[in-house]
N, C-alpha and C. Protein backbone atom coordinates (compact mmCIF):
# COMPACT_ATOMS: atom_id res chain seq x y z
N MET A 1 0.85 -1.19 0.00
CA MET A 1 0.00 0.00 0.00
C MET A 1 0.89 1.24 0.00
N ALA A 2 0.60 2.17 -0.85
CA ALA A 2 1.38 3.41 -0.94
C ALA A 2 1.08 4.30 0.25
N SER A 3 2.10 5.05 0.65
CA SER A 3 1.93 5.99 1.75
C SER A 3 1.01 7.12 1.33
N MET A 4 0.20 7.60 2.26
CA MET A 4 -0.67 8.73 1.95
C MET A 4 0.08 10.05 2.05
N TYR A 5 1.36 9.99 2.47
CA TYR A 5 2.19 11.17 2.59
C TYR A 5 3.29 11.16 1.54
N SER A 6 3.65 12.33 1.07
CA SER A 6 4.70 12.41 0.05
C SER A 6 6.05 12.05 0.66
N ALA A 7 7.00 11.77 -0.22
CA ALA A 7 8.36 11.46 0.23
C ALA A 7 8.95 12.64 0.99
N LYS A 8 8.62 13.86 0.58
CA LYS A 8 9.13 15.06 1.25
C LYS A 8 8.60 15.15 2.68
N VAL A 9 7.31 14.89 2.87
CA VAL A 9 6.72 14.91 4.22
C VAL A 9 7.37 13.84 5.09
N MET A 10 7.55 12.64 4.56
CA MET A 10 8.16 11.56 5.32
C MET A 10 9.61 11.88 5.67
N GLU A 11 10.33 12.55 4.75
CA GLU A 11 11.72 12.93 5.03
C GLU A 11 11.77 13.95 6.17
N HIS A 12 10.86 14.91 6.18
CA HIS A 12 10.83 15.90 7.26
C HIS A 12 10.43 15.24 8.58
N PHE A 13 9.56 14.26 8.54
CA PHE A 13 9.18 13.55 9.76
C PHE A 13 10.36 12.79 10.33
N ALA A 14 11.10 12.10 9.47
CA ALA A 14 12.25 11.31 9.92
C ALA A 14 13.43 12.17 10.32
N ASN A 15 13.60 13.32 9.66
CA ASN A 15 14.72 14.22 9.92
C ASN A 15 14.20 15.65 10.03
N PRO A 16 13.64 16.00 11.19
CA PRO A 16 13.04 17.33 11.34
C PRO A 16 14.02 18.46 11.05
N HIS A 17 13.54 19.46 10.38
CA HIS A 17 14.34 20.63 10.05
C HIS A 17 13.98 21.77 10.99
N ASN A 18 14.91 22.66 11.23
CA ASN A 18 14.67 23.88 12.02
C ASN A 18 14.28 23.62 13.47
N VAL A 19 14.75 22.54 14.03
CA VAL A 19 14.47 22.24 15.44
C VAL A 19 15.60 22.81 16.28
N GLY A 20 15.26 23.47 17.37
CA GLY A 20 16.26 23.99 18.27
C GLY A 20 15.91 25.38 18.75
N GLU A 21 16.89 26.08 19.24
CA GLU A 21 16.72 27.44 19.75
C GLU A 21 17.67 28.37 19.01
N ILE A 22 17.31 29.65 18.98
CA ILE A 22 18.20 30.69 18.45
C ILE A 22 18.54 31.57 19.65
N PRO A 23 19.77 31.50 20.17
CA PRO A 23 20.12 32.24 21.39
C PRO A 23 19.90 33.75 21.27
N ASP A 24 20.17 34.33 20.10
CA ASP A 24 20.03 35.79 19.95
C ASP A 24 18.81 36.13 19.09
N ALA A 25 17.71 35.38 19.29
CA ALA A 25 16.49 35.60 18.51
C ALA A 25 15.94 37.00 18.74
N ASN A 26 15.38 37.57 17.66
CA ASN A 26 14.71 38.86 17.77
C ASN A 26 13.27 38.70 18.26
N GLY A 27 12.70 37.53 18.02
CA GLY A 27 11.33 37.29 18.43
C GLY A 27 11.17 35.86 18.92
N VAL A 28 10.39 35.70 19.98
CA VAL A 28 10.10 34.37 20.52
C VAL A 28 8.61 34.33 20.81
N GLY A 29 7.95 33.29 20.33
CA GLY A 29 6.53 33.12 20.60
C GLY A 29 6.28 31.75 21.19
N GLU A 30 5.22 31.65 21.96
CA GLU A 30 4.90 30.37 22.60
C GLU A 30 3.41 30.14 22.51
N VAL A 31 3.04 28.92 22.19
CA VAL A 31 1.63 28.55 22.10
C VAL A 31 1.49 27.13 22.63
N GLY A 32 0.34 26.83 23.18
CA GLY A 32 0.11 25.48 23.67
C GLY A 32 -0.89 25.46 24.79
N ASN A 33 -0.98 24.30 25.40
CA ASN A 33 -1.90 24.09 26.50
C ASN A 33 -1.10 23.65 27.72
N PRO A 34 -0.81 24.58 28.64
CA PRO A 34 -0.01 24.21 29.81
C PRO A 34 -0.67 23.16 30.70
N LYS A 35 -1.98 23.03 30.62
CA LYS A 35 -2.67 22.03 31.45
C LYS A 35 -2.27 20.61 31.08
N CYS A 36 -2.07 20.37 29.77
CA CYS A 36 -1.68 19.01 29.37
C CYS A 36 -0.19 18.93 29.05
N GLY A 37 0.48 20.08 28.91
CA GLY A 37 1.92 20.08 28.70
C GLY A 37 2.37 20.23 27.26
N ASP A 38 1.43 20.32 26.32
CA ASP A 38 1.81 20.53 24.92
C ASP A 38 2.14 21.99 24.72
N ILE A 39 3.42 22.28 24.50
CA ILE A 39 3.86 23.67 24.31
C ILE A 39 4.84 23.73 23.15
N MET A 40 4.67 24.71 22.26
CA MET A 40 5.63 24.94 21.19
C MET A 40 6.16 26.35 21.34
N ARG A 41 7.47 26.47 21.25
CA ARG A 41 8.12 27.77 21.29
C ARG A 41 8.83 27.97 19.94
N MET A 42 8.59 29.11 19.31
CA MET A 42 9.19 29.43 18.01
C MET A 42 10.13 30.61 18.16
N TYR A 43 11.29 30.52 17.51
CA TYR A 43 12.31 31.55 17.57
C TYR A 43 12.51 32.13 16.17
N LEU A 44 12.60 33.46 16.08
CA LEU A 44 12.82 34.14 14.81
C LEU A 44 14.05 35.03 14.91
N LYS A 45 14.88 34.99 13.88
CA LYS A 45 16.01 35.90 13.75
C LYS A 45 15.71 36.75 12.52
N ILE A 46 15.60 38.07 12.73
CA ILE A 46 15.22 38.99 11.67
C ILE A 46 16.32 40.03 11.50
N GLU A 47 16.73 40.23 10.24
CA GLU A 47 17.74 41.24 9.90
C GLU A 47 17.23 42.04 8.71
N ASN A 48 17.23 43.36 8.83
CA ASN A 48 16.77 44.24 7.75
C ASN A 48 15.36 43.86 7.27
N ASN A 49 14.48 43.57 8.23
CA ASN A 49 13.08 43.20 7.96
C ASN A 49 12.93 41.91 7.15
N VAL A 50 13.93 41.03 7.21
CA VAL A 50 13.89 39.75 6.52
C VAL A 50 14.13 38.64 7.54
N ILE A 51 13.30 37.61 7.53
CA ILE A 51 13.52 36.46 8.41
C ILE A 51 14.71 35.68 7.86
N VAL A 52 15.77 35.58 8.66
CA VAL A 52 16.97 34.87 8.21
C VAL A 52 17.13 33.50 8.87
N ASP A 53 16.39 33.27 9.96
CA ASP A 53 16.45 31.97 10.62
C ASP A 53 15.18 31.77 11.44
N VAL A 54 14.70 30.54 11.46
CA VAL A 54 13.53 30.15 12.25
C VAL A 54 13.83 28.80 12.87
N LYS A 55 13.53 28.65 14.13
CA LYS A 55 13.68 27.36 14.79
C LYS A 55 12.50 27.19 15.76
N PHE A 56 12.24 25.94 16.14
CA PHE A 56 11.16 25.69 17.09
C PHE A 56 11.55 24.55 18.02
N LYS A 57 10.91 24.56 19.17
CA LYS A 57 11.04 23.46 20.14
C LYS A 57 9.63 23.10 20.57
N PHE A 58 9.40 21.83 20.74
CA PHE A 58 8.08 21.34 21.11
C PHE A 58 8.22 20.46 22.33
N SER A 59 7.39 20.71 23.32
CA SER A 59 7.36 19.89 24.53
C SER A 59 6.01 19.17 24.56
N PRO A 60 5.99 17.91 24.13
CA PRO A 60 4.71 17.19 24.12
C PRO A 60 4.29 16.76 25.51
N SER A 61 3.01 16.51 25.64
CA SER A 61 2.49 15.99 26.90
C SER A 61 2.99 14.56 27.09
N ALA A 62 2.81 14.05 28.28
CA ALA A 62 3.26 12.69 28.58
C ALA A 62 2.54 11.67 27.71
N ALA A 63 1.30 11.97 27.30
CA ALA A 63 0.54 11.03 26.49
C ALA A 63 0.96 11.05 25.03
N ALA A 64 1.58 12.12 24.56
CA ALA A 64 1.90 12.23 23.13
C ALA A 64 2.90 11.19 22.63
N PRO A 65 4.08 11.02 23.27
CA PRO A 65 5.02 10.03 22.72
C PRO A 65 4.49 8.61 22.67
N PRO A 66 3.82 8.10 23.72
CA PRO A 66 3.31 6.73 23.62
C PRO A 66 2.22 6.57 22.57
N SER A 67 1.44 7.61 22.31
CA SER A 67 0.35 7.48 21.35
C SER A 67 0.83 7.68 19.92
N ARG A 68 2.03 8.21 19.74
CA ARG A 68 2.52 8.52 18.40
C ARG A 68 2.54 7.29 17.48
N PRO A 69 3.02 6.12 17.91
CA PRO A 69 3.02 4.97 17.01
C PRO A 69 1.62 4.55 16.57
N ALA A 70 0.60 4.90 17.36
CA ALA A 70 -0.76 4.52 17.00
C ALA A 70 -1.27 5.30 15.80
N VAL A 71 -0.74 6.50 15.59
CA VAL A 71 -1.24 7.33 14.50
C VAL A 71 -0.18 7.60 13.43
N TRP A 72 1.07 7.25 13.69
CA TRP A 72 2.15 7.53 12.73
C TRP A 72 3.18 6.44 12.78
N PRO A 73 3.79 5.98 11.80
CA PRO A 73 3.51 6.36 10.42
C PRO A 73 2.27 5.65 9.92
N PRO A 74 1.68 6.16 8.84
CA PRO A 74 0.49 5.52 8.30
C PRO A 74 0.83 4.14 7.75
N THR A 75 -0.13 3.26 7.79
CA THR A 75 0.10 1.90 7.26
C THR A 75 -0.74 1.66 6.03
């Protein structure tokens, strides 16, 4: 059975891009649900009104990692 996801999507899933922190970020945003622990923080580095770097960190809830194999990868 063919994957319902493209090779590009699967490559990004296996080897995430732009993960991490930018120590001298110009902008930092955070979104999530602190009650369950799912939080994403995004870092932006901007020079001359142009985004030159973007990184993110994600803190999943305790339930997220164990449930991941149930929904990913598709079979």
